[in-house]
């Protein structure tokens, strides 16, 4: 099974930690107050391609994604520019936790058409962030760009305006993570499933 070498793991972990810290600083300067406001900005940054190494992002399930067992977080895989719900959701969760919000991951099976059934991670085909804030509970789906508020048995869509200029955001750590991921995607395409230190 293909795994990151120690040098690549050190590089990617260091860059991801710096990415999270830099994004924390960027978001802290935006005068946002709630996890919902932060989530909206993060979702907008994701879909505008700001987290992709080439300034683009594709959200799809139809891709032969990398599996690197020693990768610290699947959220890093977003930086390659192609992701699915587990990558985008892990990224959002990592960022919200860096901002000190109380989050967990919720797993769902969505095979029944319009209904979502909460399931174990092994049975899931979709994942979202659960945010608890000020006595409220929210489900945040970064890939499908929606935020739901859960109030007892009622669920409502939350609309949050984005008033932040996203064009000013950039981070060289994204490109550095993307370069490491590109190397491993290329190794995978060549059929290489192990590299020696």
Protein backbone atom coordinates (compact mmCIF):
# COMPACT_ATOMS: atom_id res chain seq x y z
CA UNK A 1 0.00 0.00 0.00
CA UNK A 2 1.29 3.43 -0.96
CA UNK A 3 2.21 5.61 2.03
CA UNK A 4 3.91 8.96 2.41
CA UNK A 5 7.65 8.78 3.00
CA UNK A 6 8.81 10.33 6.27
CA UNK A 7 10.15 13.40 4.44
CA UNK A 8 6.93 13.88 2.45
CA UNK A 9 4.83 13.35 5.58
CA UNK A 10 6.86 15.94 7.44
CA UNK A 11 6.52 18.39 4.53
CA UNK A 12 2.80 17.93 4.09
CA UNK A 13 2.03 18.00 7.84
CA UNK A 14 4.09 21.17 8.33
CA UNK A 15 2.43 22.89 5.38
CA UNK A 16 -1.07 21.84 6.49
CA UNK A 17 -0.44 23.17 9.99
CA UNK A 18 0.79 26.46 8.48
CA UNK A 19 -2.21 26.54 6.13
CA UNK A 20 -4.60 26.18 9.09
CA UNK A 21 -2.80 28.90 11.06
CA UNK A 22 -2.72 31.29 8.07
CA UNK A 23 -6.41 30.71 7.37
CA UNK A 24 -7.17 31.29 11.05
CA UNK A 25 -5.42 34.67 10.79
CA UNK A 26 -7.23 35.54 7.53
CA UNK A 27 -10.63 34.62 8.98
CA UNK A 28 -9.93 36.32 12.32
CA UNK A 29 -9.35 39.57 10.45
CA UNK A 30 -12.79 39.34 8.82
CA UNK A 31 -14.76 40.31 11.95
CA UNK A 32 -16.83 37.14 11.83
CA UNK A 33 -18.52 35.96 14.99
CA UNK A 34 -20.26 32.65 14.48
CA UNK A 35 -19.24 29.23 13.25
CA UNK A 36 -21.99 29.54 10.65
CA UNK A 37 -20.45 32.73 9.24
CA UNK A 38 -17.02 31.10 9.18
CA UNK A 39 -18.48 27.99 7.53
CA UNK A 40 -20.08 30.07 4.77
CA UNK A 41 -16.76 31.76 3.98
CA UNK A 42 -14.90 28.42 4.02
CA UNK A 43 -17.49 26.89 1.66
CA UNK A 44 -17.19 29.89 -0.66
CA UNK A 45 -13.37 29.64 -0.59
CA UNK A 46 -13.64 25.92 -1.38
CA UNK A 47 -15.99 26.36 -4.34
CA UNK A 48 -14.08 29.35 -5.72
CA UNK A 49 -11.02 27.10 -6.02
CA UNK A 50 -8.95 28.96 -3.43
CA UNK A 51 -8.01 25.68 -1.71
CA UNK A 52 -6.97 23.94 -4.94
CA UNK A 53 -3.29 24.09 -5.95
CA UNK A 54 -4.16 25.42 -9.42
CA UNK A 55 -6.94 27.76 -8.25
CA UNK A 56 -9.63 25.27 -9.24
CA UNK A 57 -11.67 22.62 -7.48
CA UNK A 58 -13.80 19.77 -8.74
CA UNK A 59 -16.15 18.01 -6.33
CA UNK A 60 -16.96 14.54 -7.60
CA UNK A 61 -17.37 10.94 -6.53
CA UNK A 62 -16.15 9.69 -9.91
CA UNK A 63 -12.41 9.89 -9.36
CA UNK A 64 -9.76 7.37 -8.38
CA UNK A 65 -8.77 9.12 -5.14
CA UNK A 66 -5.57 8.49 -3.24
CA UNK A 67 -5.67 6.58 -0.02
CA UNK A 68 -2.64 7.35 2.10
CA UNK A 69 -2.96 5.63 5.49
CA UNK A 70 -0.39 7.88 7.16
CA UNK A 71 -1.99 11.13 5.95
CA UNK A 72 -2.87 13.23 9.01
CA UNK A 73 -6.22 14.40 7.58
CA UNK A 74 -8.19 13.66 4.43
CA UNK A 75 -8.82 17.42 4.34
CA UNK A 76 -5.37 17.83 2.80
CA UNK A 77 -6.51 15.99 -0.33
CA UNK A 78 -8.62 19.03 -1.30
CA UNK A 79 -5.38 20.86 -2.16
CA UNK A 80 -4.88 18.59 -5.19
CA UNK A 81 -7.94 20.25 -6.75
CA UNK A 82 -10.27 17.24 -6.86
CA UNK A 83 -12.27 16.14 -3.84
CA UNK A 84 -15.36 14.35 -2.62
CA UNK A 85 -17.51 14.96 0.45
CA UNK A 86 -15.16 13.24 2.90
CA UNK A 87 -12.23 15.46 1.87
CA UNK A 88 -14.15 18.76 1.87
CA UNK A 89 -15.94 17.89 5.11
CA UNK A 90 -12.72 16.92 6.88
CA UNK A 91 -11.16 20.18 5.70
CA UNK A 92 -14.09 22.21 7.02
CA UNK A 93 -14.01 20.28 10.29
CA UNK A 94 -10.24 20.84 10.67
CA UNK A 95 -10.65 24.58 10.07
CA UNK A 96 -13.59 24.97 12.46
CA UNK A 97 -11.71 23.07 15.15
CA UNK A 98 -8.69 25.33 14.59
CA UNK A 99 -11.10 28.22 15.23
CA UNK A 100 -12.15 26.50 18.50
CA UNK A 101 -15.69 25.54 17.49
CA UNK A 102 -17.34 22.37 18.80
CA UNK A 103 -17.77 20.04 15.83
CA UNK A 104 -18.24 16.37 15.08
CA UNK A 105 -18.66 14.42 11.88
CA UNK A 106 -22.06 12.94 11.00
CA UNK A 107 -22.32 10.03 8.60
CA UNK A 108 -25.32 9.40 6.36
CA UNK A 109 -26.56 6.98 3.75
CA UNK A 110 -28.36 8.85 0.98
CA UNK A 111 -29.25 5.92 -1.29
CA UNK A 112 -32.98 6.28 -0.63
CA UNK A 113 -33.33 9.26 -2.96
CA UNK A 114 -34.29 12.36 -1.01
CA UNK A 115 -33.97 10.86 2.47
CA UNK A 116 -30.84 10.80 4.57
CA UNK A 117 -30.39 8.05 7.13
CA UNK A 118 -27.83 8.57 9.90
CA UNK A 119 -25.51 5.53 9.91
CA UNK A 120 -22.10 4.31 11.07
CA UNK A 121 -19.03 5.39 9.09
CA UNK A 122 -18.83 1.94 7.43
CA UNK A 123 -22.39 2.23 6.05
CA UNK A 124 -22.13 5.87 4.98
CA UNK A 125 -21.89 7.33 1.52
CA UNK A 126 -22.00 10.96 2.67
CA UNK A 127 -20.47 12.96 5.52
CA UNK A 128 -21.21 16.40 6.96
CA UNK A 129 -20.03 18.56 9.85
CA UNK A 130 -22.22 18.87 12.93
CA UNK A 131 -21.67 22.23 14.63
CA UNK A 132 -23.02 23.01 18.09
CA UNK A 133 -23.08 26.69 18.88
CA UNK A 134 -25.04 28.87 21.32
CA UNK A 135 -27.47 26.06 22.13
CA UNK A 136 -28.15 25.40 18.45
CA UNK A 137 -27.17 22.48 16.26
CA UNK A 138 -26.29 22.70 12.57
CA UNK A 139 -25.45 20.27 9.79
CA UNK A 140 -22.99 21.79 7.33
CA UNK A 141 -22.45 20.20 3.92
CA UNK A 142 -19.49 21.92 2.20
CA UNK A 143 -19.76 19.98 -1.07
CA UNK A 144 -23.45 20.74 -1.61
CA UNK A 145 -23.07 24.24 -0.11
CA UNK A 146 -25.83 24.16 2.46
CA UNK A 147 -26.25 24.68 6.18
CA UNK A 148 -29.21 23.18 8.04
CA UNK A 149 -30.37 24.21 11.50
CA UNK A 150 -31.83 21.42 13.63
CA UNK A 151 -34.43 22.66 16.10
CA UNK A 152 -36.06 19.74 17.94
CA UNK A 153 -37.73 17.87 15.09
CA UNK A 154 -37.67 20.81 12.67
CA UNK A 155 -34.90 21.26 10.12
CA UNK A 156 -34.50 24.54 8.27
CA UNK A 157 -32.09 25.87 5.67
CA UNK A 158 -29.85 28.66 6.95
CA UNK A 159 -29.00 31.46 4.56
CA UNK A 160 -25.82 33.35 5.39
CA UNK A 161 -24.56 36.30 3.40
CA UNK A 162 -20.92 36.48 2.41
CA UNK A 163 -19.53 39.99 2.66
CA UNK A 164 -15.84 39.06 2.53
CA UNK A 165 -13.59 39.72 -0.47
CA UNK A 166 -12.29 36.24 -1.23
CA UNK A 167 -9.93 37.42 -3.99
CA UNK A 168 -7.45 38.64 -1.39
CA UNK A 169 -6.99 35.10 -0.02
CA UNK A 170 -4.03 32.98 -1.08
CA UNK A 171 -1.60 30.66 0.66
CA UNK A 172 1.58 29.12 -0.77
CA UNK A 173 1.16 26.11 1.56
CA UNK A 174 -1.69 24.91 -0.68
CA UNK A 175 0.67 24.63 -3.66
CA UNK A 176 3.30 22.82 -1.56
CA UNK A 177 0.73 20.27 -0.36
CA UNK A 178 -0.57 19.94 -3.91
CA UNK A 179 2.93 19.17 -5.22
CA UNK A 180 3.36 16.31 -2.76
CA UNK A 181 -0.10 14.96 -3.61
CA UNK A 182 0.67 15.20 -7.35
CA UNK A 183 3.74 13.03 -6.83
CA UNK A 184 1.64 10.33 -5.13
CA UNK A 185 -1.18 10.51 -7.67
CA UNK A 186 1.44 10.02 -10.41
CA UNK A 187 2.94 7.05 -8.56
CA UNK A 188 -0.52 5.55 -8.20
CA UNK A 189 -1.23 6.01 -11.93
CA UNK A 190 2.03 4.18 -12.70
CA UNK A 191 0.91 1.27 -10.54
CA UNK A 192 3.55 1.86 -7.88
CA UNK A 193 2.17 0.86 -4.51
CA UNK A 194 5.25 1.19 -2.33
CA UNK A 195 8.25 3.50 -2.17
CA UNK A 196 11.27 2.96 0.00
CA UNK A 197 12.79 5.54 2.30
